[in-house]
Amino acid sequence: MIFLILALSTEAFAQIYADVTLSGGVTGTFTINLQYQKAPAAVANFIGLATGKKGWIDQNTGSLRNDPFYNGVIFHRVIAGFVSQTGSRNGTGTDGPGYTFHNEIDPTLTHATPYTVAMANSGGAYTNGSQWYVTANSNQSSLDGSYTIFGEVTSGTAVCNTLNNVPTSGSLGSPADQPLTPVMISSITVYGPSLASFNLNQNALPKVLSARPIMKVNGAAYSLGYDHNSFSYYYGYHSPDLTTWTNFQSNYSHTTAPTAGDLDVTTLSVGSKHFFKMARVDYGLCYNPFVLNSLAGKTIHFGAPLGGTFFLNASSTVGIWAFDGLGRANALKFK
């Protein structure tokens, strides 16, 4: 009995919290109890962006940044009795941190509980980024199964109620449902007895890196060389004055031996000076649709103890293939 009591006591104190402080049209602080054991990737992503410990890509300039992502970000979508949503730096709900990651659906976490905190996505299981929402003081269980719940508000619910009832542009507004008086996040403070031991470097999260661009000159031709890594997404930006930046390259490399050449930037390199920067999102072995896409039509070689080779004649990006060690596909599962 003594050991049971000790175990329950330890579990009760295994917590990580986040204090979200608002300013503008609504002031005050609410506290989120983060479900780091049931949604570790989403919690690591939230903490990393909130504290600046996880890198992200500025969608306006292409810069790699490691400062707190959410500071100064508004709640761009508020629907009374439903949700209050934030996490879009451009304030329209159309951007994110420059990368995506997969859902973590735990059946023990439901939207039936008021003030549930969950990731917003673009309609797919692999489209989480930086946007998240708090449900209103109501049951929203219709959202279950489609969105990653990673916490719940444990104090400051009055602040959440005030936020969820601010005057908005309504469904006919542009952007729709945006508070008429901006409500922004001033700061997010993360703390708790389990924070120090929690791993922020979850394998399910991609890494944001420099693509290490190099300018190459051949007579009057200019080209940009950069790392060609498999399972990586590349962003390229250029500027004539280091003030205004324009995206000129967004592509995904999925092959194991990339053959893409250098980028010809001759037409962009006009005037007496021009500047370029490139960022890379390394998805590595993340469970990501890009990785699944790369399997279709590929030849797979197996060493010991399986041995053999087979070709994936897939018609879709999701499926089950098998291998029995004799060159036949019937026992190996990709998912």
C-alpha atoms as a PDB file:
ATOM      1  CA  MET A   1       0.000   0.000   0.000  1.00  0.00           C
ATOM      2  CA  ILE A   2       2.839   2.380   0.778  1.00  0.00           C
ATOM      3  CA  PHE A   3       4.364   1.843  -2.650  1.00  0.00           C
ATOM      4  CA  LEU A   4       1.020   2.536  -4.361  1.00  0.00           C
ATOM      5  CA  ILE A   5       0.630   5.817  -2.497  1.00  0.00           C
ATOM      6  CA  LEU A   6       4.130   6.878  -3.472  1.00  0.00           C
ATOM      7  CA  ALA A   7       3.489   6.041  -7.129  1.00  0.00           C
ATOM      8  CA  LEU A   8       0.292   8.056  -7.227  1.00  0.00           C
ATOM      9  CA  SER A   9       1.987  10.955  -5.512  1.00  0.00           C
ATOM     10  CA  THR A  10       4.814  10.988  -8.060  1.00  0.00           C
ATOM     11  CA  GLU A  11       2.359  10.893 -10.960  1.00  0.00           C
ATOM     12  CA  ALA A  12       0.334  13.747  -9.472  1.00  0.00           C
ATOM     13  CA  PHE A  13       3.380  16.010  -9.449  1.00  0.00           C
ATOM     14  CA  ALA A  14       4.577  15.070 -12.951  1.00  0.00           C
ATOM     15  CA  GLN A  15       3.380  18.217 -14.689  1.00  0.00           C
ATOM     16  CA  ILE A  16       4.423  20.918 -17.151  1.00  0.00           C
ATOM     17  CA  TYR A  17       2.489  24.179 -17.284  1.00  0.00           C
ATOM     18  CA  ALA A  18       2.391  27.205 -19.580  1.00  0.00           C
ATOM     19  CA  ASP A  19       1.174  30.647 -18.496  1.00  0.00           C
ATOM     20  CA  VAL A  20      -0.192  32.547 -21.508  1.00  0.00           C
ATOM     21  CA  THR A  21      -0.397  36.301 -20.896  1.00  0.00           C
ATOM     22  CA  LEU A  22      -2.641  38.410 -23.145  1.00  0.00           C
ATOM     23  CA  SER A  23      -2.706  42.119 -23.972  1.00  0.00           C
ATOM     24  CA  GLY A  24      -4.704  44.447 -26.193  1.00  0.00           C
ATOM     25  CA  GLY A  25      -8.450  43.829 -26.343  1.00  0.00           C
ATOM     26  CA  VAL A  26      -8.217  41.302 -23.500  1.00  0.00           C
ATOM     27  CA  THR A  27      -5.735  41.328 -20.649  1.00  0.00           C
ATOM     28  CA  GLY A  28      -4.894  38.613 -18.171  1.00  0.00           C
ATOM     29  CA  THR A  29      -3.251  35.200 -17.955  1.00  0.00           C
ATOM     30  CA  PHE A  30      -4.499  31.666 -18.323  1.00  0.00           C
ATOM     31  CA  THR A  31      -2.582  28.484 -17.456  1.00  0.00           C
ATOM     32  CA  ILE A  32      -2.355  25.387 -19.652  1.00  0.00           C
ATOM     33  CA  ASN A  33      -1.595  21.964 -18.199  1.00  0.00           C
ATOM     34  CA  LEU A  34       0.476  20.405 -21.002  1.00  0.00           C
ATOM     35  CA  GLN A  35      -0.156  16.724 -21.785  1.00  0.00           C
ATOM     36  CA  TYR A  36       3.486  15.953 -22.526  1.00  0.00           C
ATOM     37  CA  GLN A  37       3.115  12.205 -21.927  1.00  0.00           C
ATOM     38  CA  LYS A  38       0.198  11.757 -24.348  1.00  0.00           C
ATOM     39  CA  ALA A  39       1.186  14.276 -27.033  1.00  0.00           C
ATOM     40  CA  PRO A  40       4.972  14.631 -26.683  1.00  0.00           C
ATOM     41  CA  ALA A  41       5.648  15.986 -30.174  1.00  0.00           C
ATOM     42  CA  ALA A  42       2.944  18.662 -29.975  1.00  0.00           C
ATOM     43  CA  VAL A  43       4.053  19.711 -26.493  1.00  0.00           C
ATOM     44  CA  ALA A  44       7.731  19.800 -27.501  1.00  0.00           C
ATOM     45  CA  ASN A  45       6.818  21.893 -30.532  1.00  0.00           C
ATOM     46  CA  PHE A  46       4.715  24.290 -28.437  1.00  0.00           C
ATOM     47  CA  ILE A  47       7.394  24.702 -25.759  1.00  0.00           C
ATOM     48  CA  GLY A  48      10.171  25.034 -28.328  1.00  0.00           C
ATOM     49  CA  LEU A  49       8.368  27.771 -30.266  1.00  0.00           C
ATOM     50  CA  ALA A  50       7.159  29.546 -27.121  1.00  0.00           C
ATOM     51  CA  THR A  51      10.648  29.707 -25.611  1.00  0.00           C
ATOM     52  CA  GLY A  52      12.699  30.068 -28.777  1.00  0.00           C
ATOM     53  CA  LYS A  53      14.459  26.761 -28.184  1.00  0.00           C
ATOM     54  CA  LYS A  54      13.137  25.385 -31.483  1.00  0.00           C
ATOM     55  CA  GLY A  55      14.170  27.049 -34.705  1.00  0.00           C
ATOM     56  CA  TRP A  56      11.580  28.337 -37.150  1.00  0.00           C
ATOM     57  CA  ILE A  57      11.548  30.066 -40.527  1.00  0.00           C
ATOM     58  CA  ASP A  58      10.312  33.631 -40.881  1.00  0.00           C
ATOM     59  CA  GLN A  59       7.902  33.375 -43.820  1.00  0.00           C
ATOM     60  CA  ASN A  60       8.443  37.039 -44.726  1.00  0.00           C
ATOM     61  CA  THR A  61      12.230  37.001 -44.966  1.00  0.00           C
ATOM     62  CA  GLY A  62      13.301  33.363 -45.018  1.00  0.00           C
ATOM     63  CA  SER A  63      15.445  33.957 -41.937  1.00  0.00           C
ATOM     64  CA  LEU A  64      16.171  31.183 -39.450  1.00  0.00           C
ATOM     65  CA  ARG A  65      15.003  32.398 -36.055  1.00  0.00           C
ATOM     66  CA  ASN A  66      15.367  31.170 -32.482  1.00  0.00           C
ATOM     67  CA  ASP A  67      13.406  33.799 -30.579  1.00  0.00           C
ATOM     68  CA  PRO A  68       9.951  33.197 -29.014  1.00  0.00           C
ATOM     69  CA  PHE A  69       7.555  32.600 -31.897  1.00  0.00           C
ATOM     70  CA  TYR A  70       4.294  33.508 -30.177  1.00  0.00           C
ATOM     71  CA  ASN A  71       5.191  36.852 -28.592  1.00  0.00           C
ATOM     72  CA  GLY A  72       3.099  39.539 -30.303  1.00  0.00           C
ATOM     73  CA  VAL A  73       0.964  37.030 -32.237  1.00  0.00           C
ATOM     74  CA  ILE A  74      -2.785  37.767 -32.211  1.00  0.00           C
ATOM     75  CA  PHE A  75      -5.815  35.513 -31.828  1.00  0.00           C
ATOM     76  CA  HIS A  76      -6.870  35.697 -35.464  1.00  0.00           C
ATOM     77  CA  ARG A  77     -10.016  33.540 -35.232  1.00  0.00           C
ATOM     78  CA  VAL A  78     -12.542  33.736 -32.401  1.00  0.00           C
ATOM     79  CA  ILE A  79     -15.952  32.083 -32.671  1.00  0.00           C
ATOM     80  CA  ALA A  80     -18.139  32.555 -29.604  1.00  0.00           C
ATOM     81  CA  GLY A  81     -19.148  29.270 -28.005  1.00  0.00           C
ATOM     82  CA  PHE A  82     -16.647  27.362 -30.143  1.00  0.00           C
ATOM     83  CA  VAL A  83     -12.911  28.184 -30.214  1.00  0.00           C
ATOM     84  CA  SER A  84     -10.313  30.933 -29.876  1.00  0.00           C
ATOM     85  CA  GLN A  85      -7.404  30.327 -32.268  1.00  0.00           C
ATOM     86  CA  THR A  86      -3.882  31.776 -32.506  1.00  0.00           C
ATOM     87  CA  GLY A  87      -0.387  30.950 -33.782  1.00  0.00           C
ATOM     88  CA  SER A  88      -0.346  32.711 -37.168  1.00  0.00           C
ATOM     89  CA  ARG A  89       2.333  35.403 -37.326  1.00  0.00           C
ATOM     90  CA  ASN A  90       0.749  37.134 -40.314  1.00  0.00           C
ATOM     91  CA  GLY A  91      -2.563  37.277 -38.439  1.00  0.00           C
ATOM     92  CA  THR A  92      -4.637  35.655 -41.178  1.00  0.00           C
ATOM     93  CA  GLY A  93      -4.261  31.960 -40.327  1.00  0.00           C
ATOM     94  CA  THR A  94      -2.367  31.229 -43.538  1.00  0.00           C
ATOM     95  CA  ASP A  95       1.175  30.756 -42.240  1.00  0.00           C
ATOM     96  CA  GLY A  96       3.208  28.823 -39.706  1.00  0.00           C
ATOM     97  CA  PRO A  97       6.771  28.028 -38.642  1.00  0.00           C
ATOM     98  CA  GLY A  98       7.902  26.747 -42.053  1.00  0.00           C
ATOM     99  CA  TYR A  99       7.382  23.053 -41.305  1.00  0.00           C
ATOM    100  CA  THR A 100       4.640  20.559 -40.440  1.00  0.00           C
ATOM    101  CA  PHE A 101       4.321  17.462 -38.269  1.00  0.00           C
ATOM    102  CA  HIS A 102       1.849  14.653 -37.688  1.00  0.00           C
ATOM    103  CA  ASN A 103      -1.181  14.278 -35.428  1.00  0.00           C
ATOM    104  CA  GLU A 104      -1.025  12.555 -32.052  1.00  0.00           C
ATOM    105  CA  ILE A 105      -4.533  11.342 -31.274  1.00  0.00           C
ATOM    106  CA  ASP A 106      -4.965   9.919 -27.770  1.00  0.00           C
ATOM    107  CA  PRO A 107      -8.474   8.518 -27.170  1.00  0.00           C
ATOM    108  CA  THR A 108      -8.310   9.442 -23.481  1.00  0.00           C
ATOM    109  CA  LEU A 109      -8.169  13.135 -24.403  1.00  0.00           C
ATOM    110  CA  THR A 110     -11.415  14.585 -25.740  1.00  0.00           C
ATOM    111  CA  HIS A 111     -12.906  17.942 -26.657  1.00  0.00           C
ATOM    112  CA  ALA A 112     -15.861  17.178 -24.402  1.00  0.00           C
ATOM    113  CA  THR A 113     -13.940  18.922 -21.627  1.00  0.00           C
ATOM    114  CA  PRO A 114     -14.295  22.742 -21.758  1.00  0.00           C
ATOM    115  CA  TYR A 115     -11.136  24.800 -22.347  1.00  0.00           C
ATOM    116  CA  THR A 116      -9.373  22.019 -24.245  1.00  0.00           C
ATOM    117  CA  VAL A 117      -6.134  23.141 -25.954  1.00  0.00           C
ATOM    118  CA  ALA A 118      -5.317  21.529 -29.310  1.00  0.00           C
ATOM    119  CA  MET A 119      -3.359  22.010 -32.521  1.00  0.00           C
ATOM    120  CA  ALA A 120      -5.152  23.579 -35.476  1.00  0.00           C
ATOM    121  CA  ASN A 121      -4.306  22.038 -38.834  1.00  0.00           C
ATOM    122  CA  SER A 122      -5.026  22.474 -42.526  1.00  0.00           C
ATOM    123  CA  GLY A 123      -7.341  19.502 -42.758  1.00  0.00           C
ATOM    124  CA  GLY A 124      -4.767  16.716 -42.870  1.00  0.00           C
ATOM    125  CA  ALA A 125      -3.068  14.536 -40.292  1.00  0.00           C
ATOM    126  CA  TYR A 126       0.369  15.906 -41.231  1.00  0.00           C
ATOM    127  CA  THR A 127      -0.389  19.629 -41.312  1.00  0.00           C
ATOM    128  CA  ASN A 128       0.274  20.755 -37.735  1.00  0.00           C
ATOM    129  CA  GLY A 129       2.607  23.703 -37.375  1.00  0.00           C
ATOM    130  CA  SER A 130       2.297  26.562 -34.916  1.00  0.00           C
ATOM    131  CA  GLN A 131      -1.429  27.304 -34.748  1.00  0.00           C
ATOM    132  CA  TRP A 132      -3.462  26.149 -31.762  1.00  0.00           C
ATOM    133  CA  TYR A 133      -6.823  26.858 -30.170  1.00  0.00           C
ATOM    134  CA  VAL A 134      -8.706  26.840 -26.875  1.00  0.00           C
ATOM    135  CA  THR A 135     -12.265  25.557 -26.912  1.00  0.00           C
ATOM    136  CA  ALA A 136     -15.031  27.552 -25.256  1.00  0.00           C
ATOM    137  CA  ASN A 137     -16.859  26.584 -22.065  1.00  0.00           C
ATOM    138  CA  SER A 138     -18.752  23.874 -23.933  1.00  0.00           C
ATOM    139  CA  ASN A 139     -18.569  20.348 -25.293  1.00  0.00           C
ATOM    140  CA  GLN A 140     -16.861  20.250 -28.700  1.00  0.00           C
ATOM    141  CA  SER A 141     -16.494  16.480 -29.045  1.00  0.00           C
ATOM    142  CA  SER A 142     -17.236  16.708 -32.782  1.00  0.00           C
ATOM    143  CA  LEU A 143     -13.596  17.771 -33.148  1.00  0.00           C
ATOM    144  CA  ASP A 144     -12.307  14.512 -31.647  1.00  0.00           C
ATOM    145  CA  GLY A 145     -10.076  12.404 -33.847  1.00  0.00           C
ATOM    146  CA  SER A 146      -9.057  15.190 -36.224  1.00  0.00           C
ATOM    147  CA  TYR A 147      -6.981  17.458 -34.004  1.00  0.00           C
ATOM    148  CA  THR A 148      -4.156  16.831 -31.547  1.00  0.00           C
ATOM    149  CA  ILE A 149      -5.141  17.704 -27.992  1.00  0.00           C
ATOM    150  CA  PHE A 150      -2.056  18.660 -26.011  1.00  0.00           C
ATOM    151  CA  GLY A 151      -3.422  20.402 -22.928  1.00  0.00           C
ATOM    152  CA  GLU A 152      -6.266  21.996 -21.017  1.00  0.00           C
ATOM    153  CA  VAL A 153      -6.701  25.314 -19.245  1.00  0.00           C
ATOM    154  CA  THR A 154      -6.559  24.760 -15.495  1.00  0.00           C
ATOM    155  CA  SER A 155      -6.778  28.373 -14.290  1.00  0.00           C
ATOM    156  CA  GLY A 156      -7.678  31.697 -15.827  1.00  0.00           C
ATOM    157  CA  THR A 157     -10.813  30.339 -17.490  1.00  0.00           C
ATOM    158  CA  ALA A 158     -12.476  33.731 -16.948  1.00  0.00           C
ATOM    159  CA  VAL A 159      -9.834  35.232 -19.254  1.00  0.00           C
ATOM    160  CA  CYS A 160     -10.642  32.552 -21.856  1.00  0.00           C
ATOM    161  CA  ASN A 161     -14.364  33.380 -21.542  1.00  0.00           C
ATOM    162  CA  THR A 162     -13.694  37.071 -22.105  1.00  0.00           C
ATOM    163  CA  LEU A 163     -11.523  36.272 -25.119  1.00  0.00           C
ATOM    164  CA  ASN A 164     -14.124  33.975 -26.648  1.00  0.00           C
ATOM    165  CA  ASN A 165     -16.804  36.658 -26.427  1.00  0.00           C
ATOM    166  CA  VAL A 166     -14.983  39.674 -27.899  1.00  0.00           C
ATOM    167  CA  PRO A 167     -16.658  41.489 -30.821  1.00  0.00           C
ATOM    168  CA  THR A 168     -15.376  40.112 -34.138  1.00  0.00           C
ATOM    169  CA  SER A 169     -15.689  40.701 -37.869  1.00  0.00           C
ATOM    170  CA  GLY A 170     -18.056  37.721 -38.013  1.00  0.00           C
ATOM    171  CA  SER A 171     -18.374  35.155 -40.765  1.00  0.00           C
ATOM    172  CA  LEU A 172     -18.576  37.893 -43.424  1.00  0.00           C
ATOM    173  CA  GLY A 173     -15.460  39.694 -42.258  1.00  0.00           C
ATOM    174  CA  SER A 174     -12.044  39.666 -43.885  1.00  0.00           C
ATOM    175  CA  PRO A 175     -10.362  37.845 -42.330  1.00  0.00           C
ATOM    176  CA  ALA A 176     -13.463  36.172 -40.930  1.00  0.00           C
ATOM    177  CA  ASP A 177     -14.053  35.987 -37.180  1.00  0.00           C
ATOM    178  CA  GLN A 178     -11.112  38.235 -36.273  1.00  0.00           C
ATOM    179  CA  PRO A 179     -11.466  40.347 -33.097  1.00  0.00           C
ATOM    180  CA  LEU A 180     -12.182  43.987 -33.963  1.00  0.00           C
ATOM    181  CA  THR A 181      -9.725  45.009 -31.245  1.00  0.00           C
ATOM    182  CA  PRO A 182      -6.614  42.815 -31.581  1.00  0.00           C
ATOM    183  CA  VAL A 183      -5.906  40.419 -28.729  1.00  0.00           C
ATOM    184  CA  MET A 184      -2.282  39.316 -28.666  1.00  0.00           C
ATOM    185  CA  ILE A 185       0.017  37.045 -26.736  1.00  0.00           C
ATOM    186  CA  SER A 186       2.486  39.114 -24.743  1.00  0.00           C
ATOM    187  CA  SER A 187       4.414  36.139 -23.415  1.00  0.00           C
ATOM    188  CA  ILE A 188       4.294  32.442 -22.639  1.00  0.00           C
ATOM    189  CA  THR A 189       6.111  31.150 -19.569  1.00  0.00           C
ATOM    190  CA  VAL A 190       6.711  27.404 -19.310  1.00  0.00           C
ATOM    191  CA  TYR A 191       7.486  25.726 -15.988  1.00  0.00           C
ATOM    192  CA  GLY A 192       6.804  22.657 -13.848  1.00  0.00           C
ATOM    193  CA  PRO A 193       8.597  19.799 -12.085  1.00  0.00           C
ATOM    194  CA  SER A 194       8.786  17.671 -15.247  1.00  0.00           C
ATOM    195  CA  LEU A 195      10.099  20.354 -17.593  1.00  0.00           C
ATOM    196  CA  ALA A 196      13.815  19.749 -16.979  1.00  0.00           C
ATOM    197  CA  SER A 197      13.597  16.049 -17.862  1.00  0.00           C
ATOM    198  CA  PHE A 198      11.258  16.439 -20.847  1.00  0.00           C
ATOM    199  CA  ASN A 199      12.942  15.902 -24.220  1.00  0.00           C
ATOM    200  CA  LEU A 200      12.268  18.808 -26.573  1.00  0.00           C
ATOM    201  CA  ASN A 201      14.090  17.059 -29.426  1.00  0.00           C
ATOM    202  CA  GLN A 202      11.325  14.666 -30.390  1.00  0.00           C
ATOM    203  CA  ASN A 203      12.106  12.500 -33.428  1.00  0.00           C
ATOM    204  CA  ALA A 204       8.670  13.249 -34.868  1.00  0.00           C
ATOM    205  CA  LEU A 205       9.568  16.926 -35.271  1.00  0.00           C
ATOM    206  CA  PRO A 206      11.609  18.167 -38.246  1.00  0.00           C
ATOM    207  CA  LYS A 207      14.728  20.265 -37.775  1.00  0.00           C
ATOM    208  CA  VAL A 208      15.190  23.728 -39.259  1.00  0.00           C
ATOM    209  CA  LEU A 209      18.684  24.357 -40.651  1.00  0.00           C
ATOM    210  CA  SER A 210      20.603  26.525 -43.081  1.00  0.00           C
ATOM    211  CA  ALA A 211      20.906  25.110 -46.599  1.00  0.00           C
ATOM    212  CA  ARG A 212      24.435  26.571 -46.717  1.00  0.00           C
ATOM    213  CA  PRO A 213      24.050  28.399 -50.052  1.00  0.00           C
ATOM    214  CA  ILE A 214      27.158  29.259 -52.095  1.00  0.00           C
ATOM    215  CA  MET A 215      27.213  31.740 -54.985  1.00  0.00           C
ATOM    216  CA  LYS A 216      28.878  30.416 -58.137  1.00  0.00           C
ATOM    217  CA  VAL A 217      29.923  32.650 -61.034  1.00  0.00           C
ATOM    218  CA  ASN A 218      30.619  31.502 -64.580  1.00  0.00           C
ATOM    219  CA  GLY A 219      31.159  34.512 -66.805  1.00  0.00           C
ATOM    220  CA  ALA A 220      27.895  36.439 -66.813  1.00  0.00           C
ATOM    221  CA  ALA A 221      25.969  33.505 -65.315  1.00  0.00           C
ATOM    222  CA  TYR A 222      25.221  33.262 -61.600  1.00  0.00           C
ATOM    223  CA  SER A 223      24.021  30.170 -59.806  1.00  0.00           C
ATOM    224  CA  LEU A 224      23.316  29.245 -56.222  1.00  0.00           C
ATOM    225  CA  GLY A 225      24.702  25.992 -54.897  1.00  0.00           C
ATOM    226  CA  TYR A 226      23.190  24.439 -51.796  1.00  0.00           C
ATOM    227  CA  ASP A 227      22.929  21.190 -49.860  1.00  0.00           C
ATOM    228  CA  HIS A 228      20.846  18.554 -51.628  1.00  0.00           C
ATOM    229  CA  ASN A 229      19.656  16.342 -48.795  1.00  0.00           C
ATOM    230  CA  SER A 230      16.973  13.681 -48.957  1.00  0.00           C
ATOM    231  CA  PHE A 231      13.654  14.229 -47.193  1.00  0.00           C
ATOM    232  CA  SER A 232      14.264  17.972 -46.915  1.00  0.00           C
ATOM    233  CA  TYR A 233      12.223  21.006 -47.878  1.00  0.00           C
ATOM    234  CA  TYR A 234      14.066  24.058 -49.169  1.00  0.00           C
ATOM    235  CA  TYR A 235      13.126  27.733 -49.025  1.00  0.00           C
ATOM    236  CA  GLY A 236      15.012  30.376 -51.003  1.00  0.00           C
ATOM    237  CA  TYR A 237      14.671  34.145 -50.646  1.00  0.00           C
ATOM    238  CA  HIS A 238      16.358  37.035 -52.451  1.00  0.00           C
ATOM    239  CA  SER A 239      16.622  40.772 -51.826  1.00  0.00           C
ATOM    240  CA  PRO A 240      18.183  43.805 -53.536  1.00  0.00           C
ATOM    241  CA  ASP A 241      18.538  45.777 -50.298  1.00  0.00           C
ATOM    242  CA  LEU A 242      18.349  43.415 -47.257  1.00  0.00           C
ATOM    243  CA  THR A 243      14.992  45.008 -46.426  1.00  0.00           C
ATOM    244  CA  THR A 244      12.475  43.514 -48.845  1.00  0.00           C
ATOM    245  CA  TRP A 245      12.726  39.757 -49.332  1.00  0.00           C
ATOM    246  CA  THR A 246      10.967  37.665 -51.980  1.00  0.00           C
ATOM    247  CA  ASN A 247      10.583  33.890 -52.074  1.00  0.00           C
ATOM    248  CA  PHE A 248      11.951  32.337 -55.261  1.00  0.00           C
ATOM    249  CA  GLN A 249      12.416  28.687 -54.289  1.00  0.00           C
ATOM    250  CA  SER A 250      10.155  26.250 -52.418  1.00  0.00           C
ATOM    251  CA  ASN A 251      10.631  22.581 -53.168  1.00  0.00           C
ATOM    252  CA  TYR A 252      10.863  19.203 -51.539  1.00  0.00           C
ATOM    253  CA  SER A 253      13.669  16.711 -52.172  1.00  0.00           C
ATOM    254  CA  HIS A 254      12.697  13.111 -51.442  1.00  0.00           C
ATOM    255  CA  THR A 255      15.238  11.048 -53.363  1.00  0.00           C
ATOM    256  CA  THR A 256      18.030   9.239 -51.563  1.00  0.00           C
ATOM    257  CA  ALA A 257      20.585  10.567 -54.029  1.00  0.00           C
ATOM    258  CA  PRO A 258      19.407  14.040 -55.106  1.00  0.00           C
ATOM    259  CA  THR A 259      20.463  15.030 -58.590  1.00  0.00           C
ATOM    260  CA  ALA A 260      19.004  18.531 -58.629  1.00  0.00           C
ATOM    261  CA  GLY A 261      21.533  21.043 -59.928  1.00  0.00           C
ATOM    262  CA  ASP A 262      22.376  24.521 -58.787  1.00  0.00           C
ATOM    263  CA  LEU A 263      19.778  27.265 -58.996  1.00  0.00           C
ATOM    264  CA  ASP A 264      20.256  29.668 -61.866  1.00  0.00           C
ATOM    265  CA  VAL A 265      19.777  33.136 -60.359  1.00  0.00           C
ATOM    266  CA  THR A 266      21.222  35.183 -63.234  1.00  0.00           C
ATOM    267  CA  THR A 267      17.968  37.024 -63.896  1.00  0.00           C
ATOM    268  CA  LEU A 268      17.604  37.819 -60.180  1.00  0.00           C
ATOM    269  CA  SER A 269      21.134  39.131 -59.787  1.00  0.00           C
ATOM    270  CA  VAL A 270      20.512  42.545 -61.280  1.00  0.00           C
ATOM    271  CA  GLY A 271      21.994  45.857 -60.264  1.00  0.00           C
ATOM    272  CA  SER A 272      25.182  46.417 -58.313  1.00  0.00           C
ATOM    273  CA  LYS A 273      24.276  44.047 -55.487  1.00  0.00           C
ATOM    274  CA  HIS A 274      21.878  41.254 -54.604  1.00  0.00           C
ATOM    275  CA  PHE A 275      21.435  39.016 -51.587  1.00  0.00           C
ATOM    276  CA  PHE A 276      20.261  35.441 -51.164  1.00  0.00           C
ATOM    277  CA  LYS A 277      19.441  33.154 -48.264  1.00  0.00           C
ATOM    278  CA  MET A 278      18.236  29.573 -48.097  1.00  0.00           C
ATOM    279  CA  ALA A 279      16.758  27.482 -45.300  1.00  0.00           C
ATOM    280  CA  ARG A 280      16.267  23.723 -45.073  1.00  0.00           C
ATOM    281  CA  VAL A 281      13.675  21.742 -43.130  1.00  0.00           C
ATOM    282  CA  ASP A 282      15.065  18.291 -42.426  1.00  0.00           C
ATOM    283  CA  TYR A 283      12.223  15.785 -42.061  1.00  0.00           C
ATOM    284  CA  GLY A 284      14.619  12.872 -41.741  1.00  0.00           C
ATOM    285  CA  LEU A 285      12.675   9.840 -40.569  1.00  0.00           C
ATOM    286  CA  CYS A 286       9.610  11.819 -39.457  1.00  0.00           C
ATOM    287  CA  TYR A 287       6.363  10.026 -40.140  1.00  0.00           C
ATOM    288  CA  ASN A 288       5.467  12.353 -42.963  1.00  0.00           C
ATOM    289  CA  PRO A 289       3.514  12.062 -46.222  1.00  0.00           C
ATOM    290  CA  PHE A 290       6.604  13.119 -48.158  1.00  0.00           C
ATOM    291  CA  VAL A 291       8.363   9.983 -46.941  1.00  0.00           C
ATOM    292  CA  LEU A 292       5.385   7.832 -47.914  1.00  0.00           C
ATOM    293  CA  ASN A 293       5.317   9.401 -51.361  1.00  0.00           C
ATOM    294  CA  SER A 294       8.917   8.343 -51.906  1.00  0.00           C
ATOM    295  CA  LEU A 295       8.114   4.631 -51.484  1.00  0.00           C
ATOM    296  CA  ALA A 296       5.781   4.269 -54.450  1.00  0.00           C
ATOM    297  CA  GLY A 297       7.617   2.891 -57.450  1.00  0.00           C
ATOM    298  CA  LYS A 298      10.883   2.333 -55.601  1.00  0.00           C
ATOM    299  CA  THR A 299      13.082  -0.747 -55.511  1.00  0.00           C
ATOM    300  CA  ILE A 300      13.838  -1.948 -51.995  1.00  0.00           C
ATOM    301  CA  HIS A 301      17.010  -3.906 -51.259  1.00  0.00           C
ATOM    302  CA  PHE A 302      17.255  -6.029 -48.111  1.00  0.00           C
ATOM    303  CA  GLY A 303      20.437  -7.235 -46.507  1.00  0.00           C
ATOM    304  CA  ALA A 304      20.884  -9.949 -43.884  1.00  0.00           C
ATOM    305  CA  PRO A 305      18.983 -11.573 -42.363  1.00  0.00           C
ATOM    306  CA  LEU A 306      16.195 -11.011 -44.950  1.00  0.00           C
ATOM    307  CA  GLY A 307      18.056 -10.721 -48.227  1.00  0.00           C
ATOM    308  CA  GLY A 308      16.437 -10.081 -51.587  1.00  0.00           C
ATOM    309  CA  THR A 309      14.969  -7.251 -53.611  1.00  0.00           C
ATOM    310  CA  PHE A 310      11.485  -6.230 -54.626  1.00  0.00           C
ATOM    311  CA  PHE A 311       9.815  -3.391 -56.487  1.00  0.00           C
ATOM    312  CA  LEU A 312       6.914  -1.450 -54.964  1.00  0.00           C
ATOM    313  CA  ASN A 313       4.286  -1.179 -57.666  1.00  0.00           C
ATOM    314  CA  ALA A 314       2.086   1.128 -55.627  1.00  0.00           C
ATOM    315  CA  SER A 315      -0.885   3.077 -56.933  1.00  0.00           C
ATOM    316  CA  SER A 316      -1.260   5.210 -53.813  1.00  0.00           C
ATOM    317  CA  THR A 317       0.882   6.677 -51.064  1.00  0.00           C
ATOM    318  CA  VAL A 318      -0.470   4.437 -48.318  1.00  0.00           C
ATOM    319  CA  GLY A 319      -0.464   0.665 -48.364  1.00  0.00           C
ATOM    320  CA  ILE A 320       0.888  -2.584 -47.054  1.00  0.00           C
ATOM    321  CA  TRP A 321       3.678  -4.478 -48.774  1.00  0.00           C
ATOM    322  CA  ALA A 322       5.246  -7.654 -47.501  1.00  0.00           C
ATOM    323  CA  PHE A 323       8.447  -9.608 -47.891  1.00  0.00           C
ATOM    324  CA  ASP A 324       9.178 -13.239 -47.045  1.00  0.00           C
ATOM    325  CA  GLY A 325      12.945 -13.239 -47.610  1.00  0.00           C
ATOM    326  CA  LEU A 326      12.635 -15.048 -50.946  1.00  0.00           C
ATOM    327  CA  GLY A 327      12.212 -12.004 -53.134  1.00  0.00           C
ATOM    328  CA  ARG A 328       8.441 -11.936 -52.774  1.00  0.00           C
ATOM    329  CA  ALA A 329       6.464  -9.135 -51.198  1.00  0.00           C
ATOM    330  CA  ASN A 330       4.124 -10.492 -48.547  1.00  0.00           C
ATOM    331  CA  ALA A 331       5.328  -9.738 -45.009  1.00  0.00           C
ATOM    332  CA  LEU A 332       6.770  -6.237 -44.624  1.00  0.00           C
ATOM    333  CA  LYS A 333       4.514  -3.367 -43.667  1.00  0.00           C
ATOM    334  CA  PHE A 334       5.003   0.313 -44.431  1.00  0.00           C
ATOM    335  CA  LYS A 335       2.607   2.669 -42.690  1.00  0.00           C
END
